[in-house]
Amino acid sequence: MSRDVEDLLRELAPQVLGTLARRWGDFDAAEDAVQEALIAAARHWPVDGVPAQPRGWLLQTASRRMVDQWRSDTARRDRELRVSAEPATGMTTEVDDTLTVLFLCCHPLLTPTSAIALTLRAVGGLTTAEIARAFLVPEATMAQRISRAKQRVAGERFSMPSSDERPDRLRSVLRVLYLMFNEGYTDLARADLSEEAIRLARHVRAADDDPEVAGLLALMLLTDARRPARTDASGAPVTLADQDRSRWDRATVAEGTALLDGAIGHGAVGEYQLQAAIAAIHDRAPTADATDWPQILALYELLERMTGSPVVTLNRAVAASMVGGPSAGLALLDGLDESLPRLDQLRAHLFEQAGDHDRALHHYRRAAGRATNVAERRYLDAQVARLVP
């Protein structure tokens, strides 16, 4: 299947799902029907060509699946009477329900992991098998996770949140997209998750002028712009300080900084705008040595007060070490949860900078033992080998 067809199906999937869910009042069944329609399209369109009305084709195919399913239901008579009594305008193909579906998939009732999985399937149009591969779990496990998520939101009204509910629900959406992006950025083998998060963030941005939406999209773009330089020819990770900045995507950097500049000063500054501001300082520096670390440290201190996040403390420790030396960074790491990702790796790096190679070796070994992907493990093993006497 070509990338153009794949992109079209991802764009249309939530629109068709929204139409069916509103019409039939059953999100779970509608989502299953849409998945079958997407599979049929992926099979037929590359051979027969994309139909003149692709959304109408998907809607008709999914609707037939819904009708077949409901005819076999013991309560079909009551349901069919209820549906037939409703105005037929609910089946229009001109309504774009992408945001409505996205808000439902990111419902606060769901855990972040379940919300990401349901979003990828219902809004991203990915099959259960594709999502399972992305999360490195068996397809049956992912199917159960998605099924439970759909059951949790089954009784929720299919509509956009009210004006009172919208701020909290929007925060849930942004949080899910942020986590989805990080899943794909942390593990290079899952870059498609980051791409999908950016696509969905663009969609939210087009419909909502909240500065934090722009801040999140800016953060994603400014971070993702470095992706071409994050690995060497062998696929091993390259630290930010050692990256070839000529390989960074400058058009993406420009888009991200423009978004950030337009968001700052329009309402309260939130955590995504602060993170984007930090990313922008890195991206604007012509060399690693030219990075404005005192400004980054000040932003991390503000972000830490705002969020209380241990991950922010970890990043603040990096900035503190760049401003005040490795001892300043190590002092901030005391008392953090020992299971925190990257804690051992950062300690190892700072101990090595301080000249304590024994402690550095100890923490590199611990970090290697906790690595979550092959590339990271190889990198950390190389650090261990480099320090072994």
Protein backbone atom coordinates (compact mmCIF):
# COMPACT_ATOMS: atom_id res chain seq x y z
CA MET A 1 0.00 0.00 0.00
CA SER A 2 1.39 3.40 -1.00
CA ARG A 3 2.08 6.09 1.55
CA ASP A 4 -0.55 8.34 -0.09
CA VAL A 5 -3.26 5.70 0.39
CA GLU A 6 -2.09 5.01 3.94
CA ASP A 7 -2.20 8.72 4.82
CA LEU A 8 -5.66 9.07 3.27
CA LEU A 9 -7.02 6.14 5.30
CA ARG A 10 -5.58 7.59 8.51
CA GLU A 11 -7.23 10.92 7.78
CA LEU A 12 -10.61 9.40 6.98
CA ALA A 13 -10.79 6.73 9.70
CA PRO A 14 -11.93 8.98 12.59
CA GLN A 15 -14.32 10.89 10.34
CA VAL A 16 -16.14 7.71 9.31
CA LEU A 17 -16.03 6.38 12.88
CA GLY A 18 -17.58 9.57 14.20
CA THR A 19 -20.43 9.42 11.71
CA LEU A 20 -21.21 5.81 12.56
CA ALA A 21 -20.87 6.26 16.32
CA ARG A 22 -23.25 9.22 16.31
CA ARG A 23 -25.74 7.46 14.06
CA TRP A 24 -25.83 4.09 15.79
CA GLY A 25 -24.88 5.06 19.34
CA ASP A 26 -22.38 2.22 19.72
CA PHE A 27 -18.73 3.29 19.64
CA ASP A 28 -17.39 -0.25 20.11
CA ALA A 29 -19.32 -1.76 17.21
CA ALA A 30 -18.69 1.25 15.00
CA GLU A 31 -14.94 1.05 15.63
CA ASP A 32 -14.87 -2.64 14.67
CA ALA A 33 -16.84 -1.90 11.51
CA VAL A 34 -14.49 0.90 10.51
CA GLN A 35 -11.48 -1.35 11.02
CA GLU A 36 -12.99 -3.91 8.63
CA ALA A 37 -13.67 -1.15 6.10
CA LEU A 38 -10.08 0.07 6.36
CA ILE A 39 -8.75 -3.44 5.81
CA ALA A 40 -11.01 -3.80 2.76
CA ALA A 41 -9.79 -0.47 1.39
CA ALA A 42 -6.15 -1.41 1.96
CA ARG A 43 -6.80 -4.56 -0.05
CA HIS A 44 -8.83 -3.08 -2.92
CA TRP A 45 -7.70 0.51 -3.44
CA PRO A 46 -4.09 -0.24 -4.46
CA VAL A 47 -5.48 -2.58 -7.13
CA ASP A 48 -8.70 -0.88 -8.22
CA GLY A 49 -7.69 2.72 -7.54
CA VAL A 50 -8.94 5.15 -4.92
CA PRO A 51 -12.68 5.77 -5.44
CA ALA A 52 -13.94 9.23 -6.37
CA GLN A 53 -15.61 9.54 -2.95
CA PRO A 54 -13.24 7.65 -0.61
CA ARG A 55 -15.00 8.69 2.60
CA GLY A 56 -18.36 7.69 1.16
CA TRP A 57 -16.88 4.32 0.12
CA LEU A 58 -15.58 3.68 3.63
CA LEU A 59 -18.83 4.83 5.20
CA GLN A 60 -20.91 2.57 2.99
CA THR A 61 -18.66 -0.43 3.60
CA ALA A 62 -18.59 0.11 7.36
CA SER A 63 -22.36 0.74 7.45
CA ARG A 64 -23.01 -2.59 5.72
CA ARG A 65 -20.87 -4.25 8.36
CA MET A 66 -22.88 -2.51 11.10
CA VAL A 67 -26.18 -3.58 9.54
CA ASP A 68 -25.04 -7.21 9.24
CA GLN A 69 -23.90 -7.18 12.84
CA TRP A 70 -27.03 -5.61 14.23
CA ARG A 71 -29.34 -7.91 12.26
CA SER A 72 -27.85 -10.82 14.15
CA ASP A 73 -28.44 -9.14 17.51
CA THR A 74 -31.40 -10.33 19.55
CA ALA A 75 -32.42 -6.74 20.25
CA ARG A 76 -32.21 -5.65 16.63
CA ARG A 77 -35.89 -4.73 16.37
CA ASP A 78 -35.82 -2.10 19.11
CA ARG A 79 -32.52 -0.71 17.91
CA GLU A 80 -33.58 -0.54 14.29
CA LEU A 81 -36.79 1.25 15.29
CA ARG A 82 -34.80 3.78 17.30
CA VAL A 83 -32.32 4.38 14.50
CA SER A 84 -35.01 4.60 11.81
CA ALA A 85 -36.82 7.25 13.84
CA GLU A 86 -33.75 9.50 13.93
CA PRO A 87 -33.06 12.08 11.19
CA ALA A 88 -30.97 10.70 8.34
CA THR A 89 -28.72 13.74 8.47
CA GLY A 90 -26.54 11.91 10.96
CA MET A 91 -25.11 9.90 8.07
CA THR A 92 -23.76 12.88 6.18
CA THR A 93 -20.23 12.41 4.90
CA GLU A 94 -19.45 16.13 5.24
CA VAL A 95 -18.99 16.20 9.04
CA ASP A 96 -15.43 15.80 10.34
CA ASP A 97 -15.62 14.09 13.73
CA THR A 98 -11.87 13.57 14.13
CA LEU A 99 -11.61 15.79 17.21
CA THR A 100 -14.70 14.25 18.81
CA VAL A 101 -13.22 10.78 18.39
CA LEU A 102 -9.84 11.97 19.67
CA PHE A 103 -11.35 13.51 22.81
CA LEU A 104 -13.24 10.27 23.49
CA CYS A 105 -10.14 8.10 22.99
CA CYS A 106 -8.17 10.32 25.41
CA HIS A 107 -10.86 10.18 28.09
CA PRO A 108 -9.55 10.59 31.67
CA LEU A 109 -11.14 7.23 32.53
CA LEU A 110 -8.41 5.51 30.52
CA THR A 111 -4.83 4.87 31.51
CA PRO A 112 -2.30 6.65 29.26
CA THR A 113 -1.20 3.36 27.68
CA SER A 114 -4.79 2.35 26.88
CA ALA A 115 -5.60 5.83 25.58
CA ILE A 116 -2.61 5.77 23.23
CA ALA A 117 -3.56 2.32 21.91
CA LEU A 118 -7.20 3.28 21.35
CA THR A 119 -6.17 6.56 19.71
CA LEU A 120 -3.82 4.79 17.32
CA ARG A 121 -6.56 2.39 16.30
CA ALA A 122 -9.61 4.66 16.21
CA VAL A 123 -7.99 7.91 15.10
CA GLY A 124 -4.78 6.70 13.48
CA GLY A 125 -6.43 3.84 11.60
CA LEU A 126 -3.75 1.32 12.61
CA THR A 127 -4.70 -2.32 12.94
CA THR A 128 -4.34 -4.13 16.24
CA ALA A 129 -1.39 -6.07 14.82
CA GLU A 130 0.41 -2.85 13.85
CA ILE A 131 -0.13 -1.34 17.30
CA ALA A 132 1.05 -4.54 18.97
CA ARG A 133 4.26 -4.45 16.93
CA ALA A 134 4.82 -0.83 17.89
CA PHE A 135 4.53 -1.66 21.59
CA LEU A 136 6.39 -4.98 21.30
CA VAL A 137 3.54 -7.02 22.80
CA PRO A 138 1.56 -9.99 21.41
CA GLU A 139 -1.41 -9.08 19.23
CA ALA A 140 -3.78 -10.85 21.63
CA THR A 141 -2.53 -8.72 24.51
CA MET A 142 -3.07 -5.52 22.56
CA ALA A 143 -6.52 -6.68 21.42
CA GLN A 144 -7.53 -7.15 25.05
CA ARG A 145 -6.13 -3.74 25.98
CA ILE A 146 -8.07 -2.02 23.21
CA SER A 147 -11.24 -3.97 23.99
CA ARG A 148 -11.10 -2.94 27.65
CA ALA A 149 -10.52 0.67 26.65
CA LYS A 150 -13.56 0.66 24.38
CA GLN A 151 -15.66 -0.86 27.15
CA ARG A 152 -14.59 1.89 29.55
CA VAL A 153 -15.81 4.64 27.23
CA ALA A 154 -18.82 2.75 25.86
CA GLY A 155 -21.30 4.66 28.01
CA GLU A 156 -19.83 8.08 27.30
CA ARG A 157 -21.81 10.49 25.15
CA PHE A 158 -20.39 10.85 21.65
CA SER A 159 -19.97 14.59 21.48
CA MET A 160 -17.37 17.24 22.12
CA PRO A 161 -16.92 18.13 25.79
CA SER A 162 -18.91 21.06 27.13
CA SER A 163 -17.18 24.40 27.64
CA ASP A 164 -16.77 23.57 31.34
CA GLU A 165 -15.27 20.14 30.63
CA ARG A 166 -13.13 21.14 27.67
CA PRO A 167 -10.02 22.50 29.48
CA ASP A 168 -9.54 19.30 31.52
CA ARG A 169 -10.32 17.07 28.54
CA LEU A 170 -7.93 19.07 26.33
CA ARG A 171 -5.17 18.51 28.89
CA SER A 172 -5.86 14.76 28.68
CA VAL A 173 -5.60 14.88 24.88
CA LEU A 174 -2.31 16.80 25.00
CA ARG A 175 -0.91 14.42 27.59
CA VAL A 176 -1.72 11.38 25.45
CA LEU A 177 -0.19 12.95 22.34
CA TYR A 178 2.90 13.96 24.34
CA LEU A 179 3.37 10.40 25.64
CA MET A 180 2.74 8.97 22.17
CA PHE A 181 5.42 11.22 20.71
CA ASN A 182 7.92 10.25 23.41
CA GLU A 183 7.24 6.54 22.84
CA GLY A 184 8.27 6.96 19.23
CA TYR A 185 11.17 9.32 19.89
CA THR A 186 12.78 7.29 22.67
CA ASP A 187 12.79 4.11 20.60
CA LEU A 188 13.97 4.81 17.05
CA ALA A 189 12.26 1.65 15.81
CA ARG A 190 8.88 3.22 16.64
CA ALA A 191 9.29 6.54 14.84
CA ASP A 192 5.84 6.12 13.30
CA LEU A 193 4.32 6.83 16.71
CA SER A 194 6.01 10.23 16.79
CA GLU A 195 4.84 10.97 13.26
CA GLU A 196 1.27 10.10 14.22
CA ALA A 197 1.45 12.26 17.36
CA ILE A 198 2.61 15.23 15.27
CA ARG A 199 -0.16 14.65 12.71
CA LEU A 200 -2.82 14.59 15.42
CA ALA A 201 -1.34 17.61 17.20
CA ARG A 202 -1.59 19.53 13.92
CA HIS A 203 -5.24 18.57 13.72
CA VAL A 204 -5.94 19.79 17.25
CA ARG A 205 -3.99 22.99 16.56
CA ALA A 206 -6.10 23.72 13.47
CA ALA A 207 -9.24 23.65 15.61
CA ASP A 208 -8.04 25.11 18.92
CA ASP A 209 -6.00 28.27 19.52
CA ASP A 210 -5.05 27.33 23.09
CA PRO A 211 -1.37 28.36 23.53
CA GLU A 212 -0.52 25.00 25.08
CA VAL A 213 -1.65 23.21 21.92
CA ALA A 214 0.77 25.34 19.94
CA GLY A 215 3.40 24.76 22.62
CA LEU A 216 3.07 20.99 22.38
CA LEU A 217 3.23 20.98 18.58
CA ALA A 218 6.25 23.29 18.72
CA LEU A 219 7.95 20.99 21.23
CA MET A 220 7.37 17.96 19.01
CA LEU A 221 8.68 19.71 15.90
CA LEU A 222 11.74 21.20 17.60
CA THR A 223 12.62 17.81 19.07
CA ASP A 224 11.85 15.75 15.98
CA ALA A 225 13.97 18.08 13.82
CA ARG A 226 17.06 16.46 15.36
CA ARG A 227 16.04 12.93 14.42
CA PRO A 228 18.34 12.65 11.34
CA ALA A 229 21.40 13.24 13.55
CA ARG A 230 20.41 11.05 16.50
CA THR A 231 22.19 7.93 15.24
CA ASP A 232 25.46 7.22 13.48
CA ALA A 233 25.98 5.06 10.39
CA SER A 234 25.78 1.89 12.50
CA GLY A 235 22.53 2.94 14.16
CA ALA A 236 24.11 3.73 17.54
CA PRO A 237 22.69 6.72 19.47
CA VAL A 238 24.54 10.03 19.24
CA THR A 239 24.30 12.40 22.21
CA LEU A 240 22.96 15.90 21.66
CA ALA A 241 26.38 17.43 22.25
CA ASP A 242 27.97 15.21 19.59
CA GLN A 243 25.29 15.49 16.91
CA ASP A 244 26.09 16.93 13.50
CA ARG A 245 23.80 19.96 13.59
CA SER A 246 24.00 20.40 9.84
CA ARG A 247 21.80 17.31 9.61
CA TRP A 248 19.01 18.85 11.67
CA ASP A 249 15.87 19.67 9.71
CA ARG A 250 16.04 23.46 9.68
CA ALA A 251 12.62 23.88 8.04
CA THR A 252 11.05 21.96 10.92
CA VAL A 253 13.05 24.03 13.42
CA ALA A 254 11.75 27.22 11.79
CA GLU A 255 8.16 25.98 11.94
CA GLY A 256 8.53 25.02 15.59
CA THR A 257 10.09 28.32 16.66
CA ALA A 258 7.43 30.29 14.79
CA LEU A 259 4.69 28.37 16.60
CA LEU A 260 6.38 28.96 19.94
CA ASP A 261 6.89 32.68 19.30
CA GLY A 262 3.21 32.99 18.41
CA ALA A 263 2.09 31.17 21.57
CA ILE A 264 4.26 32.88 24.17
CA GLY A 265 2.53 35.92 25.64
CA HIS A 266 -0.99 34.76 24.76
CA GLY A 267 -2.35 33.63 28.10
CA ALA A 268 -0.60 31.74 30.89
CA VAL A 269 2.60 29.94 29.94
CA GLY A 270 2.20 26.19 30.44
CA GLU A 271 4.55 23.25 30.72
CA TYR A 272 4.60 22.44 26.99
CA GLN A 273 5.51 26.01 26.09
CA LEU A 274 8.35 25.91 28.63
CA GLN A 275 9.64 22.62 27.25
CA ALA A 276 9.41 24.00 23.73
CA ALA A 277 11.36 27.08 24.82
CA ILE A 278 14.13 24.82 26.14
CA ALA A 279 14.15 22.82 22.90
CA ALA A 280 14.32 26.06 20.92
CA ILE A 281 17.42 27.20 22.81
CA HIS A 282 19.15 23.94 21.87
CA ASP A 283 18.04 24.17 18.24
CA ARG A 284 19.07 27.80 17.83
CA ALA A 285 22.60 27.23 19.19
CA PRO A 286 25.05 26.86 16.25
CA THR A 287 27.25 24.55 18.35
CA ALA A 288 26.89 22.62 21.58
CA ASP A 289 29.36 24.97 23.27
CA ALA A 290 27.24 27.97 22.30
CA THR A 291 24.18 26.65 24.14
CA ASP A 292 22.75 29.11 26.69
CA TRP A 293 22.81 26.72 29.65
CA PRO A 294 22.05 29.34 32.34
CA GLN A 295 18.81 30.18 30.50
CA ILE A 296 17.96 26.47 30.15
CA LEU A 297 18.62 25.93 33.87
CA ALA A 298 16.31 28.83 34.76
CA LEU A 299 13.54 27.37 32.57
CA TYR A 300 13.94 23.92 34.12
CA GLU A 301 13.72 25.41 37.61
CA LEU A 302 10.45 27.09 36.62
CA LEU A 303 9.18 23.89 34.99
CA GLU A 304 10.08 21.84 38.07
CA ARG A 305 8.09 24.19 40.32
CA MET A 306 5.17 23.95 37.91
CA THR A 307 5.08 20.16 37.50
CA GLY A 308 7.00 18.54 40.36
CA SER A 309 8.07 15.92 37.83
CA PRO A 310 11.17 13.80 38.65
CA VAL A 311 11.92 13.66 34.91
CA VAL A 312 12.18 17.45 34.94
CA THR A 313 14.51 17.20 37.94
CA LEU A 314 16.67 14.81 35.94
CA ASN A 315 16.92 17.29 33.09
CA ARG A 316 17.50 20.15 35.50
CA ALA A 317 20.47 18.19 36.86
CA VAL A 318 21.97 18.07 33.36
CA ALA A 319 21.61 21.84 33.02
CA ALA A 320 23.00 22.39 36.52
CA SER A 321 26.07 20.31 35.68
CA MET A 322 26.67 22.38 32.56
CA VAL A 323 26.49 25.60 34.61
CA GLY A 324 28.08 24.57 37.92
CA GLY A 325 29.99 21.37 37.16
CA PRO A 326 29.20 17.65 37.70
CA SER A 327 28.89 17.96 41.49
CA ALA A 328 26.02 20.43 41.08
CA GLY A 329 24.16 17.96 38.88
CA LEU A 330 24.85 14.96 41.13
CA ALA A 331 23.50 16.82 44.15
CA LEU A 332 20.11 17.20 42.45
CA LEU A 333 19.90 13.45 41.80
CA ASP A 334 19.97 12.47 45.47
CA GLY A 335 16.63 11.12 46.63
CA LEU A 336 15.19 10.39 43.20
CA ASP A 337 13.46 7.06 42.60
CA GLU A 338 16.16 4.59 41.60
CA SER A 339 13.90 3.08 38.94
CA LEU A 340 13.66 6.39 37.07
CA PRO A 341 14.72 5.92 33.42
CA ARG A 342 18.08 7.49 32.50
CA LEU A 343 19.01 8.07 36.17
CA ASP A 344 21.88 5.58 36.13
CA GLN A 345 23.09 6.77 32.74
CA LEU A 346 23.16 10.38 33.90
CA ARG A 347 24.92 9.50 37.14
CA ALA A 348 27.50 7.53 35.17
CA HIS A 349 28.13 10.47 32.86
CA LEU A 350 28.48 12.95 35.73
CA PHE A 351 30.73 10.67 37.78
CA GLU A 352 32.94 10.23 34.73
CA GLN A 353 33.11 14.00 34.29
CA ALA A 354 34.08 14.29 37.95
CA GLY A 355 36.91 11.79 37.42
CA ASP A 356 35.32 8.98 39.49
CA HIS A 357 35.60 6.18 36.91
CA ASP A 358 34.74 3.39 39.36
CA ARG A 359 31.33 4.86 40.16
CA ALA A 360 30.81 5.77 36.52
CA LEU A 361 31.47 2.16 35.48
CA HIS A 362 29.06 0.87 38.15
CA HIS A 363 26.22 3.07 36.92
CA TYR A 364 26.90 2.42 33.23
CA ARG A 365 26.58 -1.30 33.97
CA ARG A 366 23.31 -0.77 35.83
CA ALA A 367 21.98 1.38 33.01
CA ALA A 368 22.93 -1.24 30.40
CA GLY A 369 21.10 -3.90 32.40
CA ARG A 370 17.95 -1.79 32.34
CA ALA A 371 18.11 -0.73 28.67
CA THR A 372 14.77 -1.05 26.88
CA ASN A 373 16.00 -1.39 23.29
CA VAL A 374 18.93 -2.85 21.40
CA ALA A 375 20.48 0.44 20.25
CA GLU A 376 20.51 1.83 23.78
CA ARG A 377 21.99 -1.38 25.18
CA ARG A 378 24.78 -1.37 22.59
CA TYR A 379 25.64 2.24 23.37
CA LEU A 380 25.82 1.61 27.11
CA ASP A 381 27.81 -1.58 26.65
CA ALA A 382 30.30 0.45 24.65
CA GLN A 383 30.63 2.92 27.53
CA VAL A 384 31.27 0.04 29.92
CA ALA A 385 33.92 -1.41 27.60
CA ARG A 386 35.58 1.97 27.29
CA LEU A 387 35.95 2.35 31.06
CA VAL A 388 36.91 -1.21 31.95
CA PRO A 389 40.58 -1.17 33.09
